[in-house]
Amino acid sequence: MIRFSRSDRSLVSQWWFTVDRVLLAVILALAAVGLVLSLAASPAVAVKKGFSQYYFVERQIAFVGLAIVFMFGVSLLNPRSVRRLALMLFFGMIAV
């Protein structure tokens, strides 16, 4: 188990002491519940549509993994960079 101290000045250590851990736990719990529900509900639909039995579960796992990596990366940014990223994504989505 990794242990961080307040004297450690690494980026991940600073992130750990500033992140809202309750919110992070709730987000991860919701992602886990979504994966379980996807595992329970999607095999019949996937087979009916001609895909492999766990096609939608595999997609859900891939997208949840990407979302967690993106969430972690954005949470490491400073507020000014987050605003810039949000504006770029906003105008990029409007352009599409």
PDB file of N, CA and C in Angstrom:
ATOM      1  N   MET A   1       0.838  -1.178   0.000  1.00  0.00           N
ATOM      2  CA  MET A   1       0.000   0.000   0.000  1.00  0.00           C
ATOM      3  C   MET A   1       0.883   1.241   0.000  1.00  0.00           C
ATOM      4  N   ILE A   2       0.525   2.184  -0.827  1.00  0.00           N
ATOM      5  CA  ILE A   2       1.293   3.418  -0.924  1.00  0.00           C
ATOM      6  C   ILE A   2       0.838   4.366   0.175  1.00  0.00           C
ATOM      7  N   ARG A   3       1.793   4.931   0.864  1.00  0.00           N
ATOM      8  CA  ARG A   3       1.482   5.886   1.920  1.00  0.00           C
ATOM      9  C   ARG A   3       2.106   7.226   1.541  1.00  0.00           C
ATOM     10  N   PHE A   4       1.313   8.264   1.660  1.00  0.00           N
ATOM     11  CA  PHE A   4       1.785   9.616   1.364  1.00  0.00           C
ATOM     12  C   PHE A   4       1.905  10.400   2.658  1.00  0.00           C
ATOM     13  N   SER A   5       2.884  11.274   2.703  1.00  0.00           N
ATOM     14  CA  SER A   5       2.995  12.167   3.849  1.00  0.00           C
ATOM     15  C   SER A   5       2.829  13.597   3.355  1.00  0.00           C
ATOM     16  N   ARG A   6       2.500  14.468   4.264  1.00  0.00           N
ATOM     17  CA  ARG A   6       2.300  15.877   3.881  1.00  0.00           C
ATOM     18  C   ARG A   6       3.602  16.543   3.456  1.00  0.00           C
ATOM     19  N   SER A   7       4.735  15.988   3.864  1.00  0.00           N
ATOM     20  CA  SER A   7       6.008  16.578   3.470  1.00  0.00           C
ATOM     21  C   SER A   7       6.408  16.180   2.053  1.00  0.00           C
ATOM     22  N   ASP A   8       5.775  15.155   1.512  1.00  0.00           N
ATOM     23  CA  ASP A   8       6.043  14.728   0.141  1.00  0.00           C
ATOM     24  C   ASP A   8       5.466  15.768  -0.811  1.00  0.00           C
ATOM     25  N   ARG A   9       6.255  16.253  -1.751  1.00  0.00           N
ATOM     26  CA  ARG A   9       5.822  17.305  -2.666  1.00  0.00           C
ATOM     27  C   ARG A   9       5.603  16.800  -4.089  1.00  0.00           C
ATOM     28  N   SER A  10       5.430  15.507  -4.255  1.00  0.00           N
ATOM     29  CA  SER A  10       5.164  14.996  -5.599  1.00  0.00           C
ATOM     30  C   SER A  10       3.758  15.392  -6.033  1.00  0.00           C
ATOM     31  N   LEU A  11       3.511  15.355  -7.321  1.00  0.00           N
ATOM     32  CA  LEU A  11       2.225  15.776  -7.872  1.00  0.00           C
ATOM     33  C   LEU A  11       1.087  14.887  -7.379  1.00  0.00           C
ATOM     34  N   VAL A  12       1.323  13.579  -7.336  1.00  0.00           N
ATOM     35  CA  VAL A  12       0.281  12.659  -6.882  1.00  0.00           C
ATOM     36  C   VAL A  12       0.015  12.831  -5.387  1.00  0.00           C
ATOM     37  N   SER A  13       1.046  13.073  -4.614  1.00  0.00           N
ATOM     38  CA  SER A  13       0.866  13.285  -3.174  1.00  0.00           C
ATOM     39  C   SER A  13       0.062  14.554  -2.912  1.00  0.00           C
ATOM     40  N   GLN A  14       0.368  15.617  -3.608  1.00  0.00           N
ATOM     41  CA  GLN A  14      -0.394  16.851  -3.446  1.00  0.00           C
ATOM     42  C   GLN A  14      -1.837  16.650  -3.879  1.00  0.00           C
ATOM     43  N   TRP A  15      -2.043  15.881  -4.951  1.00  0.00           N
ATOM     44  CA  TRP A  15      -3.392  15.583  -5.415  1.00  0.00           C
ATOM     45  C   TRP A  15      -4.159  14.819  -4.347  1.00  0.00           C
ATOM     46  N   TRP A  16      -3.517  13.840  -3.728  1.00  0.00           N
ATOM     47  CA  TRP A  16      -4.196  12.999  -2.741  1.00  0.00           C
ATOM     48  C   TRP A  16      -4.694  13.814  -1.553  1.00  0.00           C
ATOM     49  N   PHE A  17      -3.949  14.830  -1.149  1.00  0.00           N
ATOM     50  CA  PHE A  17      -4.355  15.627   0.014  1.00  0.00           C
ATOM     51  C   PHE A  17      -5.328  16.748  -0.355  1.00  0.00           C
ATOM     52  N   THR A  18      -5.558  16.989  -1.640  1.00  0.00           N
ATOM     53  CA  THR A  18      -6.496  18.045  -2.022  1.00  0.00           C
ATOM     54  C   THR A  18      -7.778  17.513  -2.656  1.00  0.00           C
ATOM     55  N   VAL A  19      -7.817  16.247  -3.009  1.00  0.00           N
ATOM     56  CA  VAL A  19      -8.989  15.687  -3.685  1.00  0.00           C
ATOM     57  C   VAL A  19     -10.096  15.408  -2.665  1.00  0.00           C
ATOM     58  N   ASP A  20     -11.324  15.549  -3.108  1.00  0.00           N
ATOM     59  CA  ASP A  20     -12.476  15.208  -2.272  1.00  0.00           C
ATOM     60  C   ASP A  20     -12.651  13.690  -2.338  1.00  0.00           C
ATOM     61  N   ARG A  21     -12.200  12.995  -1.306  1.00  0.00           N
ATOM     62  CA  ARG A  21     -12.180  11.526  -1.329  1.00  0.00           C
ATOM     63  C   ARG A  21     -13.568  10.918  -1.305  1.00  0.00           C
ATOM     64  N   VAL A  22     -14.508  11.567  -0.645  1.00  0.00           N
ATOM     65  CA  VAL A  22     -15.876  11.043  -0.607  1.00  0.00           C
ATOM     66  C   VAL A  22     -16.485  11.095  -2.009  1.00  0.00           C
ATOM     67  N   LEU A  23     -16.322  12.217  -2.682  1.00  0.00           N
ATOM     68  CA  LEU A  23     -16.833  12.345  -4.041  1.00  0.00           C
ATOM     69  C   LEU A  23     -16.147  11.352  -4.976  1.00  0.00           C
ATOM     70  N   LEU A  24     -14.856  11.170  -4.830  1.00  0.00           N
ATOM     71  CA  LEU A  24     -14.131  10.205  -5.639  1.00  0.00           C
ATOM     72  C   LEU A  24     -14.652   8.788  -5.400  1.00  0.00           C
ATOM     73  N   ALA A  25     -14.902   8.433  -4.148  1.00  0.00           N
ATOM     74  CA  ALA A  25     -15.432   7.106  -3.823  1.00  0.00           C
ATOM     75  C   ALA A  25     -16.821   6.916  -4.404  1.00  0.00           C
ATOM     76  N   VAL A  26     -17.654   7.949  -4.353  1.00  0.00           N
ATOM     77  CA  VAL A  26     -19.008   7.855  -4.904  1.00  0.00           C
ATOM     78  C   VAL A  26     -18.956   7.695  -6.422  1.00  0.00           C
ATOM     79  N   ILE A  27     -18.095   8.419  -7.084  1.00  0.00           N
ATOM     80  CA  ILE A  27     -17.960   8.307  -8.541  1.00  0.00           C
ATOM     81  C   ILE A  27     -17.497   6.907  -8.921  1.00  0.00           C
ATOM     82  N   LEU A  28     -16.497   6.381  -8.215  1.00  0.00           N
ATOM     83  CA  LEU A  28     -16.012   5.036  -8.510  1.00  0.00           C
ATOM     84  C   LEU A  28     -17.074   3.981  -8.198  1.00  0.00           C
ATOM     85  N   ALA A  29     -17.855   4.199  -7.140  1.00  0.00           N
ATOM     86  CA  ALA A  29     -18.929   3.261  -6.808  1.00  0.00           C
ATOM     87  C   ALA A  29     -20.004   3.273  -7.897  1.00  0.00           C
ATOM     88  N   LEU A  30     -20.351   4.452  -8.399  1.00  0.00           N
ATOM     89  CA  LEU A  30     -21.326   4.535  -9.494  1.00  0.00           C
ATOM     90  C   LEU A  30     -20.816   3.840 -10.759  1.00  0.00           C
ATOM     91  N   ALA A  31     -19.533   3.996 -11.033  1.00  0.00           N
ATOM     92  CA  ALA A  31     -18.959   3.305 -12.192  1.00  0.00           C
ATOM     93  C   ALA A  31     -19.016   1.798 -11.994  1.00  0.00           C
ATOM     94  N   ALA A  32     -18.734   1.336 -10.788  1.00  0.00           N
ATOM     95  CA  ALA A  32     -18.788  -0.102 -10.510  1.00  0.00           C
ATOM     96  C   ALA A  32     -20.215  -0.632 -10.613  1.00  0.00           C
ATOM     97  N   VAL A  33     -21.178   0.108 -10.101  1.00  0.00           N
ATOM     98  CA  VAL A  33     -22.581  -0.306 -10.207  1.00  0.00           C
ATOM     99  C   VAL A  33     -22.998  -0.348 -11.671  1.00  0.00           C
ATOM    100  N   GLY A  34     -22.567   0.614 -12.452  1.00  0.00           N
ATOM    101  CA  GLY A  34     -22.868   0.611 -13.878  1.00  0.00           C
ATOM    102  C   GLY A  34     -22.289  -0.604 -14.582  1.00  0.00           C
ATOM    103  N   LEU A  35     -21.080  -0.997 -14.194  1.00  0.00           N
ATOM    104  CA  LEU A  35     -20.485  -2.193 -14.780  1.00  0.00           C
ATOM    105  C   LEU A  35     -21.265  -3.446 -14.403  1.00  0.00           C
ATOM    106  N   VAL A  36     -21.687  -3.547 -13.145  1.00  0.00           N
ATOM    107  CA  VAL A  36     -22.459  -4.714 -12.707  1.00  0.00           C
ATOM    108  C   VAL A  36     -23.809  -4.760 -13.427  1.00  0.00           C
ATOM    109  N   LEU A  37     -24.464  -3.632 -13.525  1.00  0.00           N
ATOM    110  CA  LEU A  37     -25.751  -3.601 -14.219  1.00  0.00           C
ATOM    111  C   LEU A  37     -25.592  -3.911 -15.706  1.00  0.00           C
ATOM    112  N   SER A  38     -24.522  -3.448 -16.286  1.00  0.00           N
ATOM    113  CA  SER A  38     -24.250  -3.767 -17.679  1.00  0.00           C
ATOM    114  C   SER A  38     -23.996  -5.265 -17.839  1.00  0.00           C
ATOM    115  N   LEU A  39     -23.309  -5.841 -16.896  1.00  0.00           N
ATOM    116  CA  LEU A  39     -23.050  -7.279 -16.928  1.00  0.00           C
ATOM    117  C   LEU A  39     -24.342  -8.073 -16.793  1.00  0.00           C
ATOM    118  N   ALA A  40     -25.290  -7.551 -16.049  1.00  0.00           N
ATOM    119  CA  ALA A  40     -26.552  -8.261 -15.837  1.00  0.00           C
ATOM    120  C   ALA A  40     -27.523  -8.086 -16.999  1.00  0.00           C
ATOM    121  N   ALA A  41     -27.513  -6.938 -17.636  1.00  0.00           N
ATOM    122  CA  ALA A  41     -28.571  -6.632 -18.597  1.00  0.00           C
ATOM    123  C   ALA A  41     -28.179  -6.796 -20.060  1.00  0.00           C
ATOM    124  N   SER A  42     -26.917  -6.656 -20.385  1.00  0.00           N
ATOM    125  CA  SER A  42     -26.573  -6.552 -21.803  1.00  0.00           C
ATOM    126  C   SER A  42     -26.334  -7.856 -22.547  1.00  0.00           C
ATOM    127  N   PRO A  43     -26.001  -8.988 -21.943  1.00  0.00           N
ATOM    128  CA  PRO A  43     -25.726 -10.177 -22.764  1.00  0.00           C
ATOM    129  C   PRO A  43     -26.878 -10.587 -23.672  1.00  0.00           C
ATOM    130  N   ALA A  44     -28.099 -10.537 -23.189  1.00  0.00           N
ATOM    131  CA  ALA A  44     -29.231 -10.922 -24.033  1.00  0.00           C
ATOM    132  C   ALA A  44     -29.396  -9.971 -25.211  1.00  0.00           C
ATOM    133  N   VAL A  45     -29.211  -8.694 -24.980  1.00  0.00           N
ATOM    134  CA  VAL A  45     -29.340  -7.708 -26.050  1.00  0.00           C
ATOM    135  C   VAL A  45     -28.216  -7.876 -27.062  1.00  0.00           C
ATOM    136  N   ALA A  46     -27.010  -8.132 -26.582  1.00  0.00           N
ATOM    137  CA  ALA A  46     -25.860  -8.296 -27.474  1.00  0.00           C
ATOM    138  C   ALA A  46     -26.054  -9.507 -28.384  1.00  0.00           C
ATOM    139  N   VAL A  47     -26.520 -10.602 -27.823  1.00  0.00           N
ATOM    140  CA  VAL A  47     -26.752 -11.799 -28.630  1.00  0.00           C
ATOM    141  C   VAL A  47     -27.864 -11.546 -29.648  1.00  0.00           C
ATOM    142  N   LYS A  48     -28.892 -10.843 -29.238  1.00  0.00           N
ATOM    143  CA  LYS A  48     -30.003 -10.538 -30.149  1.00  0.00           C
ATOM    144  C   LYS A  48     -29.541  -9.676 -31.320  1.00  0.00           C
ATOM    145  N   LYS A  49     -28.582  -8.795 -31.073  1.00  0.00           N
ATOM    146  CA  LYS A  49     -28.078  -7.910 -32.133  1.00  0.00           C
ATOM    147  C   LYS A  49     -26.941  -8.546 -32.934  1.00  0.00           C
ATOM    148  N   GLY A  50     -26.541  -9.762 -32.558  1.00  0.00           N
ATOM    149  CA  GLY A  50     -25.513 -10.460 -33.325  1.00  0.00           C
ATOM    150  C   GLY A  50     -24.095 -10.211 -32.870  1.00  0.00           C
ATOM    151  N   PHE A  51     -23.913  -9.621 -31.696  1.00  0.00           N
ATOM    152  CA  PHE A  51     -22.579  -9.394 -31.157  1.00  0.00           C
ATOM    153  C   PHE A  51     -22.211 -10.528 -30.210  1.00  0.00           C
ATOM    154  N   SER A  52     -20.963 -10.515 -29.744  1.00  0.00           N
ATOM    155  CA  SER A  52     -20.577 -11.501 -28.732  1.00  0.00           C
ATOM    156  C   SER A  52     -21.346 -11.209 -27.440  1.00  0.00           C
ATOM    157  N   GLN A  53     -21.407 -12.194 -26.575  1.00  0.00           N
ATOM    158  CA  GLN A  53     -22.264 -12.096 -25.390  1.00  0.00           C
ATOM    159  C   GLN A  53     -21.899 -10.909 -24.494  1.00  0.00           C
ATOM    160  N   TYR A  54     -20.630 -10.609 -24.360  1.00  0.00           N
ATOM    161  CA  TYR A  54     -20.199  -9.536 -23.462  1.00  0.00           C
ATOM    162  C   TYR A  54     -19.699  -8.304 -24.229  1.00  0.00           C
ATOM    163  N   TYR A  55     -20.218  -8.078 -25.394  1.00  0.00           N
ATOM    164  CA  TYR A  55     -19.800  -6.952 -26.227  1.00  0.00           C
ATOM    165  C   TYR A  55     -20.003  -5.616 -25.509  1.00  0.00           C
ATOM    166  N   PHE A  56     -21.195  -5.397 -24.975  1.00  0.00           N
ATOM    167  CA  PHE A  56     -21.491  -4.121 -24.318  1.00  0.00           C
ATOM    168  C   PHE A  56     -20.754  -3.988 -22.983  1.00  0.00           C
ATOM    169  N   VAL A  57     -20.514  -5.086 -22.320  1.00  0.00           N
ATOM    170  CA  VAL A  57     -19.753  -5.054 -21.059  1.00  0.00           C
ATOM    171  C   VAL A  57     -18.311  -4.650 -21.341  1.00  0.00           C
ATOM    172  N   GLU A  58     -17.737  -5.212 -22.385  1.00  0.00           N
ATOM    173  CA  GLU A  58     -16.360  -4.856 -22.747  1.00  0.00           C
ATOM    174  C   GLU A  58     -16.255  -3.380 -23.124  1.00  0.00           C
ATOM    175  N   ARG A  59     -17.239  -2.890 -23.854  1.00  0.00           N
ATOM    176  CA  ARG A  59     -17.242  -1.461 -24.203  1.00  0.00           C
ATOM    177  C   ARG A  59     -17.376  -0.599 -22.950  1.00  0.00           C
ATOM    178  N   GLN A  60     -18.241  -1.020 -22.037  1.00  0.00           N
ATOM    179  CA  GLN A  60     -18.435  -0.263 -20.795  1.00  0.00           C
ATOM    180  C   GLN A  60     -17.141  -0.217 -19.991  1.00  0.00           C
ATOM    181  N   ILE A  61     -16.451  -1.336 -19.899  1.00  0.00           N
ATOM    182  CA  ILE A  61     -15.178  -1.381 -19.173  1.00  0.00           C
ATOM    183  C   ILE A  61     -14.159  -0.456 -19.829  1.00  0.00           C
ATOM    184  N   ALA A  62     -14.086  -0.482 -21.146  1.00  0.00           N
ATOM    185  CA  ALA A  62     -13.129   0.371 -21.855  1.00  0.00           C
ATOM    186  C   ALA A  62     -13.436   1.848 -21.621  1.00  0.00           C
ATOM    187  N   PHE A  63     -14.705   2.222 -21.736  1.00  0.00           N
ATOM    188  CA  PHE A  63     -15.056   3.631 -21.571  1.00  0.00           C
ATOM    189  C   PHE A  63     -14.941   4.088 -20.125  1.00  0.00           C
ATOM    190  N   VAL A  64     -15.260   3.225 -19.163  1.00  0.00           N
ATOM    191  CA  VAL A  64     -15.080   3.583 -17.752  1.00  0.00           C
ATOM    192  C   VAL A  64     -13.591   3.761 -17.456  1.00  0.00           C
ATOM    193  N   GLY A  65     -12.761   2.892 -18.007  1.00  0.00           N
ATOM    194  CA  GLY A  65     -11.317   3.039 -17.819  1.00  0.00           C
ATOM    195  C   GLY A  65     -10.790   4.341 -18.383  1.00  0.00           C
ATOM    196  N   LEU A  66     -11.214   4.670 -19.611  1.00  0.00           N
ATOM    197  CA  LEU A  66     -10.804   5.943 -20.213  1.00  0.00           C
ATOM    198  C   LEU A  66     -11.308   7.135 -19.405  1.00  0.00           C
ATOM    199  N   ALA A  67     -12.534   7.053 -18.918  1.00  0.00           N
ATOM    200  CA  ALA A  67     -13.101   8.151 -18.144  1.00  0.00           C
ATOM    201  C   ALA A  67     -12.338   8.362 -16.838  1.00  0.00           C
ATOM    202  N   ILE A  68     -11.951   7.280 -16.183  1.00  0.00           N
ATOM    203  CA  ILE A  68     -11.209   7.411 -14.925  1.00  0.00           C
ATOM    204  C   ILE A  68      -9.834   8.008 -15.179  1.00  0.00           C
ATOM    205  N   VAL A  69      -9.171   7.574 -16.242  1.00  0.00           N
ATOM    206  CA  VAL A  69      -7.862   8.151 -16.582  1.00  0.00           C
ATOM    207  C   VAL A  69      -8.009   9.629 -16.918  1.00  0.00           C
ATOM    208  N   PHE A  70      -9.028   9.997 -17.701  1.00  0.00           N
ATOM    209  CA  PHE A  70      -9.259  11.399 -18.058  1.00  0.00           C
ATOM    210  C   PHE A  70      -9.591  12.222 -16.810  1.00  0.00           C
ATOM    211  N   MET A  71     -10.428  11.661 -15.932  1.00  0.00           N
ATOM    212  CA  MET A  71     -10.800  12.365 -14.700  1.00  0.00           C
ATOM    213  C   MET A  71      -9.566  12.617 -13.828  1.00  0.00           C
ATOM    214  N   PHE A  72      -8.709  11.613 -13.709  1.00  0.00           N
ATOM    215  CA  PHE A  72      -7.496  11.778 -12.919  1.00  0.00           C
ATOM    216  C   PHE A  72      -6.581  12.829 -13.545  1.00  0.00           C
ATOM    217  N   GLY A  73      -6.432  12.773 -14.863  1.00  0.00           N
ATOM    218  CA  GLY A  73      -5.581  13.746 -15.541  1.00  0.00           C
ATOM    219  C   GLY A  73      -6.085  15.170 -15.396  1.00  0.00           C
ATOM    220  N   VAL A  74      -7.381  15.368 -15.531  1.00  0.00           N
ATOM    221  CA  VAL A  74      -7.951  16.714 -15.388  1.00  0.00           C
ATOM    222  C   VAL A  74      -7.832  17.186 -13.942  1.00  0.00           C
ATOM    223  N   SER A  75      -7.970  16.290 -12.991  1.00  0.00           N
ATOM    224  CA  SER A  75      -7.887  16.702 -11.588  1.00  0.00           C
ATOM    225  C   SER A  75      -6.474  17.102 -11.190  1.00  0.00           C
ATOM    226  N   LEU A  76      -5.487  16.729 -11.977  1.00  0.00           N
ATOM    227  CA  LEU A  76      -4.109  17.155 -11.702  1.00  0.00           C
ATOM    228  C   LEU A  76      -3.823  18.565 -12.226  1.00  0.00           C
ATOM    229  N   LEU A  77      -4.685  19.076 -13.097  1.00  0.00           N
ATOM    230  CA  LEU A  77      -4.474  20.406 -13.680  1.00  0.00           C
ATOM    231  C   LEU A  77      -4.838  21.501 -12.687  1.00  0.00           C
ATOM    232  N   ASN A  78      -4.267  22.674 -12.915  1.00  0.00           N
ATOM    233  CA  ASN A  78      -4.658  23.822 -12.089  1.00  0.00           C
ATOM    234  C   ASN A  78      -5.965  24.395 -12.629  1.00  0.00           C
ATOM    235  N   PRO A  79      -6.670  25.202 -11.852  1.00  0.00           N
ATOM    236  CA  PRO A  79      -7.991  25.698 -12.281  1.00  0.00           C
ATOM    237  C   PRO A  79      -7.970  26.461 -13.609  1.00  0.00           C
ATOM    238  N   ARG A  80      -6.926  27.205 -13.864  1.00  0.00           N
ATOM    239  CA  ARG A  80      -6.848  27.964 -15.121  1.00  0.00           C
ATOM    240  C   ARG A  80      -6.777  27.017 -16.318  1.00  0.00           C
ATOM    241  N   SER A  81      -6.003  25.961 -16.194  1.00  0.00           N
ATOM    242  CA  SER A  81      -5.900  24.982 -17.277  1.00  0.00           C
ATOM    243  C   SER A  81      -7.207  24.225 -17.472  1.00  0.00           C
ATOM    244  N   VAL A  82      -7.914  23.966 -16.392  1.00  0.00           N
ATOM    245  CA  VAL A  82      -9.211  23.286 -16.499  1.00  0.00           C
ATOM    246  C   VAL A  82     -10.197  24.169 -17.250  1.00  0.00           C
ATOM    247  N   ARG A  83     -10.208  25.457 -16.950  1.00  0.00           N
ATOM    248  CA  ARG A  83     -11.101  26.372 -17.676  1.00  0.00           C
ATOM    249  C   ARG A  83     -10.760  26.416 -19.163  1.00  0.00           C
ATOM    250  N   ARG A  84      -9.467  26.471 -19.481  1.00  0.00           N
ATOM    251  CA  ARG A  84      -9.057  26.490 -20.890  1.00  0.00           C
ATOM    252  C   ARG A  84      -9.470  25.206 -21.596  1.00  0.00           C
ATOM    253  N   LEU A  85      -9.256  24.079 -20.944  1.00  0.00           N
ATOM    254  CA  LEU A  85      -9.643  22.798 -21.524  1.00  0.00           C
ATOM    255  C   LEU A  85     -11.152  22.736 -21.729  1.00  0.00           C
ATOM    256  N   ALA A  86     -11.902  23.215 -20.757  1.00  0.00           N
ATOM    257  CA  ALA A  86     -13.362  23.206 -20.870  1.00  0.00           C
ATOM    258  C   ALA A  86     -13.819  24.078 -22.035  1.00  0.00           C
ATOM    259  N   LEU A  87     -13.225  25.243 -22.195  1.00  0.00           N
ATOM    260  CA  LEU A  87     -13.597  26.122 -23.317  1.00  0.00           C
ATOM    261  C   LEU A  87     -13.242  25.482 -24.656  1.00  0.00           C
ATOM    262  N   MET A  88     -12.058  24.874 -24.733  1.00  0.00           N
ATOM    263  CA  MET A  88     -11.673  24.223 -25.988  1.00  0.00           C
ATOM    264  C   MET A  88     -12.629  23.084 -26.320  1.00  0.00           C
ATOM    265  N   LEU A  89     -12.975  22.266 -25.344  1.00  0.00           N
ATOM    266  CA  LEU A  89     -13.916  21.169 -25.580  1.00  0.00           C
ATOM    267  C   LEU A  89     -15.307  21.699 -25.940  1.00  0.00           C
ATOM    268  N   PHE A  90     -15.743  22.759 -25.271  1.00  0.00           N
ATOM    269  CA  PHE A  90     -17.048  23.348 -25.553  1.00  0.00           C
ATOM    270  C   PHE A  90     -17.132  23.831 -26.989  1.00  0.00           C
ATOM    271  N   PHE A  91     -16.153  24.631 -27.403  1.00  0.00           N
ATOM    272  CA  PHE A  91     -16.199  25.168 -28.761  1.00  0.00           C
ATOM    273  C   PHE A  91     -15.934  24.070 -29.787  1.00  0.00           C
ATOM    274  N   GLY A  92     -15.136  23.081 -29.431  1.00  0.00           N
ATOM    275  CA  GLY A  92     -14.916  21.956 -30.335  1.00  0.00           C
ATOM    276  C   GLY A  92     -16.201  21.157 -30.554  1.00  0.00           C
ATOM    277  N   MET A  93     -16.987  20.967 -29.515  1.00  0.00           N
ATOM    278  CA  MET A  93     -18.233  20.236 -29.671  1.00  0.00           C
ATOM    279  C   MET A  93     -19.288  21.051 -30.422  1.00  0.00           C
ATOM    280  N   ILE A  94     -19.263  22.361 -30.256  1.00  0.00           N
ATOM    281  CA  ILE A  94     -20.185  23.209 -31.022  1.00  0.00           C
ATOM    282  C   ILE A  94     -19.813  23.154 -32.506  1.00  0.00           C
ATOM    283  N   ALA A  95     -18.529  23.121 -32.805  1.00  0.00           N
ATOM    284  CA  ALA A  95     -18.081  23.091 -34.204  1.00  0.00           C
ATOM    285  C   ALA A  95     -18.451  21.775 -34.875  1.00  0.00           C
ATOM    286  N   VAL A  96     -18.532  20.731 -34.109  1.00  0.00           N
ATOM    287  CA  VAL A  96     -18.881  19.423 -34.698  1.00  0.00           C
ATOM    288  C   VAL A  96     -20.339  19.415 -34.910  1.00  0.00           C
TER     289      VAL A  96
END
